[in-house]
């Protein structure tokens, strides 16, 4: 009986996800993500993006190819969550950018929110139909949080997707 309990305890520990916390948010990753920063040119000037990424290595058992949380701060005078008239275009552009990044086609865009802040859930499919991307983008004041999962098309509704996406919280 002790052996069975010990085996169960070890299995539970192996399935525990890692809490990740940045200055303004928390989320669960399957394993510790790798952090990187880069600055990209844009029509409104350079934007600094902080990316937290976990990609299971070859041979690791995981339903998804990658899990990502991106944080991008925009000039407050250009866009913020209080600028209701600009939000549709802002999120449409975010959806187009995400779909272009995977060289794919848009499946759906759904309005969502977190703590009263606007967002969109964007689903796209790679042009070769090999994978599905699910991304949630939230605009909190002038900061966009984009969290996404890429998975094989045959596994696009797996439990890990929901666990990752639904674990995101603002501080």
N, C-alpha and C. Protein backbone atom coordinates (compact mmCIF):
# COMPACT_ATOMS: atom_id res chain seq x y z
N UNK A 1 0.82 -1.19 0.00
CA UNK A 1 0.00 0.00 0.00
C UNK A 1 0.87 1.26 0.00
N UNK A 2 1.97 1.26 0.79
CA UNK A 2 2.86 2.41 0.82
C UNK A 2 3.49 2.64 -0.54
N UNK A 3 3.84 1.56 -1.23
CA UNK A 3 4.44 1.68 -2.55
C UNK A 3 3.46 2.33 -3.54
N UNK A 4 2.20 1.92 -3.47
CA UNK A 4 1.18 2.49 -4.35
C UNK A 4 1.00 3.98 -4.08
N UNK A 5 0.96 4.37 -2.80
CA UNK A 5 0.82 5.78 -2.44
C UNK A 5 2.03 6.58 -2.92
N UNK A 6 3.23 6.05 -2.72
CA UNK A 6 4.44 6.73 -3.16
C UNK A 6 4.45 6.91 -4.68
N UNK A 7 4.06 5.89 -5.41
CA UNK A 7 3.99 5.97 -6.86
C UNK A 7 2.99 7.05 -7.29
N UNK A 8 1.82 7.08 -6.66
CA UNK A 8 0.81 8.10 -6.96
C UNK A 8 1.36 9.49 -6.67
N UNK A 9 2.03 9.68 -5.53
CA UNK A 9 2.59 10.97 -5.15
C UNK A 9 3.63 11.44 -6.16
N UNK A 10 4.49 10.56 -6.62
CA UNK A 10 5.51 10.90 -7.61
C UNK A 10 4.85 11.30 -8.93
N UNK A 11 3.80 10.60 -9.33
CA UNK A 11 3.09 10.93 -10.57
C UNK A 11 2.44 12.30 -10.48
N UNK A 12 1.87 12.63 -9.34
CA UNK A 12 1.25 13.94 -9.14
C UNK A 12 2.31 15.03 -9.24
N UNK A 13 3.45 14.81 -8.60
CA UNK A 13 4.53 15.80 -8.65
C UNK A 13 5.01 16.02 -10.08
N UNK A 14 5.08 14.97 -10.88
CA UNK A 14 5.55 15.10 -12.25
C UNK A 14 4.58 15.90 -13.10
N UNK A 15 3.32 15.93 -12.72
CA UNK A 15 2.32 16.64 -13.50
C UNK A 15 2.09 18.07 -13.00
N UNK A 16 2.78 18.49 -11.94
CA UNK A 16 2.60 19.85 -11.44
C UNK A 16 3.19 20.85 -12.43
N UNK A 17 2.45 21.88 -12.65
CA UNK A 17 2.91 22.94 -13.54
C UNK A 17 3.64 23.99 -12.72
N UNK A 18 4.41 24.82 -13.40
CA UNK A 18 5.25 25.82 -12.76
C UNK A 18 4.55 27.18 -12.79
N UNK A 19 4.31 27.77 -11.61
CA UNK A 19 3.76 29.12 -11.61
C UNK A 19 4.80 30.12 -12.11
N UNK A 20 4.39 30.98 -13.02
CA UNK A 20 5.27 32.02 -13.53
C UNK A 20 4.64 33.36 -13.18
N UNK A 21 5.47 34.28 -12.74
CA UNK A 21 4.96 35.59 -12.34
C UNK A 21 5.85 36.67 -12.92
N UNK A 22 5.22 37.67 -13.53
CA UNK A 22 5.94 38.87 -13.95
C UNK A 22 5.42 40.01 -13.08
N UNK A 23 5.79 41.21 -13.41
CA UNK A 23 5.42 42.37 -12.59
C UNK A 23 3.90 42.49 -12.40
N UNK A 24 3.15 42.23 -13.46
CA UNK A 24 1.71 42.51 -13.44
C UNK A 24 0.80 41.30 -13.60
N UNK A 25 1.34 40.10 -13.81
CA UNK A 25 0.47 38.94 -14.07
C UNK A 25 1.11 37.64 -13.60
N UNK A 26 0.27 36.61 -13.56
CA UNK A 26 0.73 35.26 -13.26
C UNK A 26 0.09 34.30 -14.26
N UNK A 27 0.76 33.17 -14.49
CA UNK A 27 0.25 32.13 -15.37
C UNK A 27 0.98 30.83 -15.04
N UNK A 28 0.38 29.71 -15.36
CA UNK A 28 1.02 28.41 -15.16
C UNK A 28 1.61 27.91 -16.47
N UNK A 29 2.85 27.48 -16.43
CA UNK A 29 3.51 26.83 -17.56
C UNK A 29 3.76 25.36 -17.19
N UNK A 30 3.83 24.46 -18.18
CA UNK A 30 4.14 23.06 -17.87
C UNK A 30 5.53 22.90 -17.24
N UNK A 31 6.46 23.71 -17.68
CA UNK A 31 7.84 23.76 -17.16
C UNK A 31 8.28 25.22 -17.19
N UNK A 32 9.43 25.50 -16.60
CA UNK A 32 9.92 26.88 -16.54
C UNK A 32 10.15 27.43 -17.95
N UNK A 33 9.56 28.61 -18.26
CA UNK A 33 9.76 29.19 -19.58
C UNK A 33 11.11 29.90 -19.70
N UNK A 34 11.52 30.11 -20.93
CA UNK A 34 12.73 30.88 -21.24
C UNK A 34 12.28 32.30 -21.56
N UNK A 35 12.94 33.27 -20.97
CA UNK A 35 12.58 34.67 -21.16
C UNK A 35 13.50 35.32 -22.18
N UNK A 36 12.91 36.18 -22.99
CA UNK A 36 13.72 36.96 -23.94
C UNK A 36 13.05 38.31 -24.16
N UNK A 37 13.84 39.26 -24.60
CA UNK A 37 13.33 40.59 -24.91
C UNK A 37 13.86 41.00 -26.27
N UNK A 38 13.02 41.72 -26.98
CA UNK A 38 13.47 42.28 -28.25
C UNK A 38 12.67 43.53 -28.54
N UNK A 39 13.20 44.35 -29.39
CA UNK A 39 12.52 45.56 -29.82
C UNK A 39 12.22 45.41 -31.30
N UNK A 40 10.96 45.67 -31.66
CA UNK A 40 10.58 45.55 -33.06
C UNK A 40 10.12 46.91 -33.59
N UNK A 41 10.40 47.18 -34.85
CA UNK A 41 9.91 48.43 -35.44
C UNK A 41 8.41 48.32 -35.69
N UNK A 42 7.70 49.43 -35.58
CA UNK A 42 6.27 49.45 -35.88
C UNK A 42 5.90 50.82 -36.43
N UNK A 43 4.69 50.95 -36.90
CA UNK A 43 4.21 52.22 -37.44
C UNK A 43 4.18 53.32 -36.39
N UNK A 44 4.11 52.92 -35.11
CA UNK A 44 4.06 53.92 -34.02
C UNK A 44 5.40 54.08 -33.32
N UNK A 45 6.43 53.46 -33.87
CA UNK A 45 7.76 53.53 -33.27
C UNK A 45 8.17 52.18 -32.72
N UNK A 46 9.38 52.08 -32.20
CA UNK A 46 9.87 50.80 -31.69
C UNK A 46 9.03 50.32 -30.49
N UNK A 47 8.74 49.02 -30.48
CA UNK A 47 8.00 48.41 -29.38
C UNK A 47 8.85 47.34 -28.72
N UNK A 48 8.94 47.37 -27.41
CA UNK A 48 9.69 46.38 -26.65
C UNK A 48 8.75 45.23 -26.30
N UNK A 49 9.15 44.02 -26.68
CA UNK A 49 8.36 42.82 -26.39
C UNK A 49 9.16 41.93 -25.45
N UNK A 50 8.51 41.52 -24.38
CA UNK A 50 9.09 40.52 -23.49
C UNK A 50 8.34 39.22 -23.73
N UNK A 51 9.08 38.16 -24.03
CA UNK A 51 8.47 36.88 -24.35
C UNK A 51 8.91 35.84 -23.33
N UNK A 52 7.95 35.08 -22.84
CA UNK A 52 8.19 33.96 -21.93
C UNK A 52 7.70 32.73 -22.69
N UNK A 53 8.61 31.81 -23.02
CA UNK A 53 8.30 30.72 -23.93
C UNK A 53 8.75 29.38 -23.37
N UNK A 54 7.84 28.41 -23.45
CA UNK A 54 8.22 27.02 -23.14
C UNK A 54 7.90 26.17 -24.35
N UNK A 55 8.92 25.47 -24.85
CA UNK A 55 8.74 24.53 -25.95
C UNK A 55 9.25 23.17 -25.49
N UNK A 56 8.35 22.18 -25.38
CA UNK A 56 8.80 20.85 -24.97
C UNK A 56 9.85 20.33 -25.95
N UNK A 57 10.87 19.71 -25.41
CA UNK A 57 11.92 19.18 -26.28
C UNK A 57 11.44 17.89 -26.93
N UNK A 58 12.11 17.52 -28.01
CA UNK A 58 11.78 16.29 -28.72
C UNK A 58 11.83 15.12 -27.74
N UNK A 59 10.82 14.31 -27.74
CA UNK A 59 10.79 13.17 -26.85
C UNK A 59 10.04 13.41 -25.56
N UNK A 60 9.83 14.68 -25.19
CA UNK A 60 9.02 14.98 -24.01
C UNK A 60 7.56 14.77 -24.35
N UNK A 61 6.85 14.17 -23.43
CA UNK A 61 5.43 13.93 -23.67
C UNK A 61 4.64 15.20 -23.34
N UNK A 62 4.06 15.82 -24.36
CA UNK A 62 3.25 17.02 -24.19
C UNK A 62 2.29 17.09 -25.37
N UNK A 63 1.10 17.60 -25.12
CA UNK A 63 0.10 17.71 -26.18
C UNK A 63 0.34 18.90 -27.10
N UNK A 64 1.21 19.82 -26.71
CA UNK A 64 1.40 21.05 -27.47
C UNK A 64 2.86 21.24 -27.87
N UNK A 65 3.03 22.03 -28.94
CA UNK A 65 4.37 22.36 -29.42
C UNK A 65 5.00 23.51 -28.65
N UNK A 66 4.17 24.46 -28.23
CA UNK A 66 4.71 25.60 -27.49
C UNK A 66 3.64 26.31 -26.68
N UNK A 67 4.11 27.00 -25.64
CA UNK A 67 3.29 27.82 -24.76
C UNK A 67 4.01 29.16 -24.64
N UNK A 68 3.29 30.25 -24.83
CA UNK A 68 3.96 31.56 -24.81
C UNK A 68 3.11 32.62 -24.13
N UNK A 69 3.80 33.51 -23.44
CA UNK A 69 3.20 34.72 -22.90
C UNK A 69 4.06 35.89 -23.37
N UNK A 70 3.43 36.80 -24.09
CA UNK A 70 4.13 38.00 -24.55
C UNK A 70 3.57 39.23 -23.86
N UNK A 71 4.44 40.17 -23.55
CA UNK A 71 4.03 41.43 -22.92
C UNK A 71 4.60 42.57 -23.77
N UNK A 72 3.70 43.44 -24.26
CA UNK A 72 4.11 44.57 -25.09
C UNK A 72 3.46 45.83 -24.57
N UNK A 73 4.28 46.83 -24.29
CA UNK A 73 3.75 48.11 -23.82
C UNK A 73 3.71 49.09 -24.99
N UNK A 74 2.53 49.70 -25.16
CA UNK A 74 2.32 50.68 -26.22
C UNK A 74 2.33 52.08 -25.63
N UNK A 75 2.66 53.09 -26.44
CA UNK A 75 2.53 54.46 -25.94
C UNK A 75 1.07 54.71 -25.54
N UNK A 76 0.87 55.21 -24.35
CA UNK A 76 -0.48 55.42 -23.80
C UNK A 76 -1.32 56.35 -24.66
N UNK A 77 -0.67 57.27 -25.35
CA UNK A 77 -1.41 58.21 -26.18
C UNK A 77 -1.86 57.60 -27.50
N UNK A 78 -1.28 56.44 -27.86
CA UNK A 78 -1.63 55.77 -29.12
C UNK A 78 -2.77 54.78 -28.92
N UNK A 79 -2.67 53.95 -27.89
CA UNK A 79 -3.74 52.99 -27.61
C UNK A 79 -3.71 52.62 -26.13
N UNK A 80 -4.88 52.53 -25.57
CA UNK A 80 -5.05 51.99 -24.22
C UNK A 80 -6.47 51.47 -24.11
N UNK A 81 -6.74 50.70 -23.09
CA UNK A 81 -8.03 50.03 -22.98
C UNK A 81 -9.20 50.98 -22.81
N UNK A 82 -8.94 52.24 -22.51
CA UNK A 82 -10.01 53.22 -22.40
C UNK A 82 -10.41 53.85 -23.72
N UNK A 83 -9.63 53.62 -24.77
CA UNK A 83 -9.93 54.19 -26.09
C UNK A 83 -10.85 53.26 -26.87
N UNK A 84 -12.11 53.24 -26.48
CA UNK A 84 -13.08 52.29 -27.03
C UNK A 84 -13.15 52.33 -28.55
N UNK A 85 -13.04 53.50 -29.16
CA UNK A 85 -13.18 53.62 -30.62
C UNK A 85 -12.00 52.99 -31.38
N UNK A 86 -10.89 52.76 -30.72
CA UNK A 86 -9.71 52.19 -31.38
C UNK A 86 -9.54 50.69 -31.14
N UNK A 87 -10.33 50.11 -30.24
CA UNK A 87 -10.08 48.74 -29.83
C UNK A 87 -10.33 47.71 -30.92
N UNK A 88 -11.39 47.86 -31.71
CA UNK A 88 -11.66 46.87 -32.75
C UNK A 88 -10.50 46.81 -33.75
N UNK A 89 -10.02 47.96 -34.19
CA UNK A 89 -8.90 47.98 -35.13
C UNK A 89 -7.64 47.41 -34.47
N UNK A 90 -7.41 47.76 -33.22
CA UNK A 90 -6.24 47.25 -32.51
C UNK A 90 -6.25 45.72 -32.48
N UNK A 91 -7.38 45.14 -32.08
CA UNK A 91 -7.45 43.68 -31.99
C UNK A 91 -7.51 43.02 -33.37
N UNK A 92 -8.12 43.69 -34.36
CA UNK A 92 -8.09 43.15 -35.73
C UNK A 92 -6.66 43.07 -36.23
N UNK A 93 -5.88 44.12 -35.97
CA UNK A 93 -4.47 44.12 -36.37
C UNK A 93 -3.68 43.05 -35.64
N UNK A 94 -3.99 42.85 -34.35
CA UNK A 94 -3.31 41.80 -33.58
C UNK A 94 -3.62 40.43 -34.17
N UNK A 95 -4.88 40.20 -34.55
CA UNK A 95 -5.27 38.92 -35.15
C UNK A 95 -4.55 38.71 -36.48
N UNK A 96 -4.53 39.75 -37.32
CA UNK A 96 -3.84 39.64 -38.62
C UNK A 96 -2.37 39.35 -38.43
N UNK A 97 -1.74 40.03 -37.46
CA UNK A 97 -0.32 39.79 -37.20
C UNK A 97 -0.05 38.37 -36.74
N UNK A 98 -0.88 37.86 -35.85
CA UNK A 98 -0.70 36.49 -35.35
C UNK A 98 -0.86 35.48 -36.48
N UNK A 99 -1.86 35.69 -37.33
CA UNK A 99 -2.09 34.77 -38.45
C UNK A 99 -0.95 34.85 -39.46
N UNK A 100 -0.47 36.06 -39.73
CA UNK A 100 0.68 36.22 -40.64
C UNK A 100 1.92 35.53 -40.09
N UNK A 101 2.11 35.58 -38.77
CA UNK A 101 3.29 34.96 -38.15
C UNK A 101 3.31 33.44 -38.35
N UNK A 102 2.14 32.83 -38.44
CA UNK A 102 2.10 31.37 -38.65
C UNK A 102 1.84 31.02 -40.11
N UNK A 103 1.80 32.05 -40.98
CA UNK A 103 1.53 31.84 -42.40
C UNK A 103 0.27 30.99 -42.57
N UNK A 104 -0.78 31.42 -41.88
CA UNK A 104 -1.99 30.61 -41.85
C UNK A 104 -3.24 31.34 -42.22
N UNK A 105 -4.35 30.73 -41.79
CA UNK A 105 -5.66 31.33 -42.05
C UNK A 105 -6.41 31.43 -40.74
N UNK A 106 -7.23 32.45 -40.65
CA UNK A 106 -8.02 32.72 -39.46
C UNK A 106 -9.18 31.74 -39.36
N UNK A 107 -9.36 31.14 -38.18
CA UNK A 107 -10.50 30.27 -37.93
C UNK A 107 -11.59 31.04 -37.21
N UNK A 108 -11.20 31.78 -36.15
CA UNK A 108 -12.22 32.52 -35.39
C UNK A 108 -11.58 33.61 -34.54
N UNK A 109 -12.41 34.61 -34.24
CA UNK A 109 -12.06 35.67 -33.29
C UNK A 109 -13.27 35.86 -32.39
N UNK A 110 -13.06 35.78 -31.08
CA UNK A 110 -14.15 35.91 -30.11
C UNK A 110 -13.77 37.00 -29.11
N UNK A 111 -14.72 37.88 -28.82
CA UNK A 111 -14.49 38.92 -27.81
C UNK A 111 -14.45 38.27 -26.43
N UNK A 112 -13.44 38.64 -25.65
CA UNK A 112 -13.30 38.15 -24.28
C UNK A 112 -12.89 39.34 -23.41
N UNK A 113 -12.80 39.12 -22.14
CA UNK A 113 -12.28 40.15 -21.24
C UNK A 113 -11.71 39.50 -20.00
N UNK A 114 -10.90 40.28 -19.29
CA UNK A 114 -10.36 39.85 -18.02
C UNK A 114 -10.39 41.05 -17.07
N UNK A 115 -11.00 40.87 -15.94
CA UNK A 115 -11.13 41.95 -14.95
C UNK A 115 -11.66 43.24 -15.56
N UNK A 116 -12.57 43.12 -16.53
CA UNK A 116 -13.15 44.29 -17.18
C UNK A 116 -12.34 44.86 -18.32
N UNK A 117 -11.14 44.33 -18.57
CA UNK A 117 -10.30 44.80 -19.67
C UNK A 117 -10.61 43.99 -20.93
N UNK A 118 -10.59 44.64 -22.11
CA UNK A 118 -10.99 43.96 -23.35
C UNK A 118 -9.93 42.99 -23.86
N UNK A 119 -10.41 42.01 -24.62
CA UNK A 119 -9.52 41.05 -25.23
C UNK A 119 -10.17 40.31 -26.38
N UNK A 120 -9.40 39.46 -27.01
CA UNK A 120 -9.89 38.61 -28.09
C UNK A 120 -9.22 37.25 -27.97
N UNK A 121 -9.99 36.22 -28.27
CA UNK A 121 -9.40 34.89 -28.45
C UNK A 121 -9.35 34.64 -29.95
N UNK A 122 -8.17 34.36 -30.43
CA UNK A 122 -7.91 34.21 -31.86
C UNK A 122 -7.45 32.78 -32.11
N UNK A 123 -8.10 32.13 -33.06
CA UNK A 123 -7.67 30.78 -33.45
C UNK A 123 -7.30 30.81 -34.93
N UNK A 124 -6.18 30.21 -35.23
CA UNK A 124 -5.71 30.16 -36.61
C UNK A 124 -5.13 28.80 -36.93
N UNK A 125 -5.08 28.51 -38.22
CA UNK A 125 -4.55 27.24 -38.68
C UNK A 125 -3.42 27.49 -39.65
N UNK A 126 -2.35 26.72 -39.53
CA UNK A 126 -1.22 26.84 -40.45
C UNK A 126 -1.68 26.54 -41.87
N UNK A 127 -1.04 27.17 -42.83
CA UNK A 127 -1.44 26.98 -44.23
C UNK A 127 -1.34 25.52 -44.67
N UNK A 128 -0.41 24.78 -44.10
CA UNK A 128 -0.29 23.35 -44.44
C UNK A 128 -1.19 22.47 -43.57
N UNK A 129 -2.01 23.11 -42.73
CA UNK A 129 -2.98 22.44 -41.85
C UNK A 129 -2.33 21.51 -40.83
N UNK A 130 -1.04 21.76 -40.51
CA UNK A 130 -0.33 20.87 -39.59
C UNK A 130 -0.52 21.25 -38.12
N UNK A 131 -0.87 22.52 -37.86
CA UNK A 131 -1.05 22.91 -36.46
C UNK A 131 -2.10 24.01 -36.33
N UNK A 132 -2.58 24.14 -35.08
CA UNK A 132 -3.55 25.16 -34.71
C UNK A 132 -2.91 26.07 -33.67
N UNK A 133 -3.15 27.37 -33.80
CA UNK A 133 -2.70 28.34 -32.81
C UNK A 133 -3.94 28.89 -32.11
N UNK A 134 -3.90 28.89 -30.79
CA UNK A 134 -4.93 29.56 -30.01
C UNK A 134 -4.24 30.64 -29.21
N UNK A 135 -4.72 31.87 -29.36
CA UNK A 135 -4.09 33.01 -28.70
C UNK A 135 -5.17 33.83 -28.01
N UNK A 136 -4.87 34.28 -26.83
CA UNK A 136 -5.71 35.25 -26.14
C UNK A 136 -4.90 36.53 -25.99
N UNK A 137 -5.48 37.62 -26.43
CA UNK A 137 -4.82 38.93 -26.33
C UNK A 137 -5.69 39.83 -25.48
N UNK A 138 -5.08 40.43 -24.46
CA UNK A 138 -5.78 41.36 -23.58
C UNK A 138 -5.05 42.69 -23.60
N UNK A 139 -5.82 43.78 -23.65
CA UNK A 139 -5.22 45.10 -23.54
C UNK A 139 -5.58 45.66 -22.17
N UNK A 140 -4.58 45.78 -21.32
CA UNK A 140 -4.75 46.26 -19.94
C UNK A 140 -4.06 47.61 -19.86
N UNK A 141 -4.88 48.63 -19.83
CA UNK A 141 -4.39 50.00 -19.95
C UNK A 141 -3.64 50.10 -21.28
N UNK A 142 -2.32 50.32 -21.28
CA UNK A 142 -1.60 50.39 -22.55
C UNK A 142 -0.65 49.20 -22.76
N UNK A 143 -0.92 48.11 -22.06
CA UNK A 143 -0.07 46.93 -22.18
C UNK A 143 -0.87 45.75 -22.73
N UNK A 144 -0.33 45.13 -23.78
CA UNK A 144 -0.98 43.95 -24.33
C UNK A 144 -0.30 42.69 -23.81
N UNK A 145 -1.13 41.80 -23.31
CA UNK A 145 -0.69 40.46 -22.92
C UNK A 145 -1.21 39.52 -23.99
N UNK A 146 -0.33 38.78 -24.61
CA UNK A 146 -0.75 37.78 -25.59
C UNK A 146 -0.23 36.44 -25.13
N UNK A 147 -1.16 35.53 -24.87
CA UNK A 147 -0.80 34.20 -24.44
C UNK A 147 -1.27 33.22 -25.49
N UNK A 148 -0.43 32.29 -25.84
CA UNK A 148 -0.78 31.41 -26.93
C UNK A 148 -0.23 30.02 -26.79
N UNK A 149 -0.93 29.11 -27.47
CA UNK A 149 -0.54 27.71 -27.51
C UNK A 149 -0.56 27.27 -28.97
N UNK A 150 0.45 26.52 -29.36
CA UNK A 150 0.47 25.92 -30.69
C UNK A 150 0.45 24.41 -30.50
N UNK A 151 -0.45 23.77 -31.22
CA UNK A 151 -0.65 22.33 -31.05
C UNK A 151 -0.95 21.66 -32.39
N UNK A 152 -0.74 20.37 -32.45
CA UNK A 152 -1.10 19.62 -33.65
C UNK A 152 -2.61 19.73 -33.86
N UNK A 153 -3.01 19.78 -35.11
CA UNK A 153 -4.43 19.92 -35.44
C UNK A 153 -5.25 18.79 -34.79
N UNK A 154 -4.69 17.61 -34.73
CA UNK A 154 -5.41 16.46 -34.17
C UNK A 154 -5.57 16.53 -32.65
N UNK A 155 -4.83 17.45 -32.01
CA UNK A 155 -4.89 17.58 -30.55
C UNK A 155 -5.32 18.99 -30.12
N UNK A 156 -6.02 19.70 -30.99
CA UNK A 156 -6.28 21.12 -30.74
C UNK A 156 -7.21 21.41 -29.56
N UNK A 157 -7.91 20.43 -29.06
CA UNK A 157 -8.80 20.65 -27.91
C UNK A 157 -8.31 19.90 -26.67
N UNK A 158 -7.02 19.87 -26.44
CA UNK A 158 -6.50 19.11 -25.30
C UNK A 158 -6.60 19.92 -24.00
N UNK A 159 -6.53 19.21 -22.89
CA UNK A 159 -6.69 19.82 -21.57
C UNK A 159 -5.58 20.81 -21.23
N UNK A 160 -4.38 20.60 -21.74
CA UNK A 160 -3.26 21.50 -21.45
C UNK A 160 -3.50 22.90 -22.02
N UNK A 161 -4.17 22.99 -23.17
CA UNK A 161 -4.51 24.30 -23.73
C UNK A 161 -5.30 25.11 -22.72
N UNK A 162 -6.39 24.51 -22.25
CA UNK A 162 -7.25 25.21 -21.29
C UNK A 162 -6.55 25.52 -20.00
N UNK A 163 -5.75 24.59 -19.53
CA UNK A 163 -5.05 24.82 -18.26
C UNK A 163 -4.13 26.03 -18.37
N UNK A 164 -3.39 26.12 -19.46
CA UNK A 164 -2.49 27.25 -19.67
C UNK A 164 -3.28 28.55 -19.83
N UNK A 165 -4.17 28.59 -20.79
CA UNK A 165 -4.90 29.82 -21.11
C UNK A 165 -5.76 30.31 -19.95
N UNK A 166 -6.39 29.39 -19.24
CA UNK A 166 -7.29 29.77 -18.14
C UNK A 166 -6.56 30.11 -16.85
N UNK A 167 -5.27 29.85 -16.79
CA UNK A 167 -4.51 30.14 -15.56
C UNK A 167 -4.02 31.59 -15.52
N UNK A 168 -4.15 32.32 -16.61
CA UNK A 168 -3.66 33.70 -16.65
C UNK A 168 -4.48 34.60 -15.73
N UNK A 169 -3.77 35.35 -14.89
CA UNK A 169 -4.42 36.30 -13.98
C UNK A 169 -3.61 37.58 -13.89
N UNK A 170 -4.33 38.67 -13.72
CA UNK A 170 -3.68 39.95 -13.48
C UNK A 170 -3.46 40.11 -11.97
N UNK A 171 -2.40 40.78 -11.61
CA UNK A 171 -2.11 41.03 -10.18
C UNK A 171 -2.87 42.26 -9.72
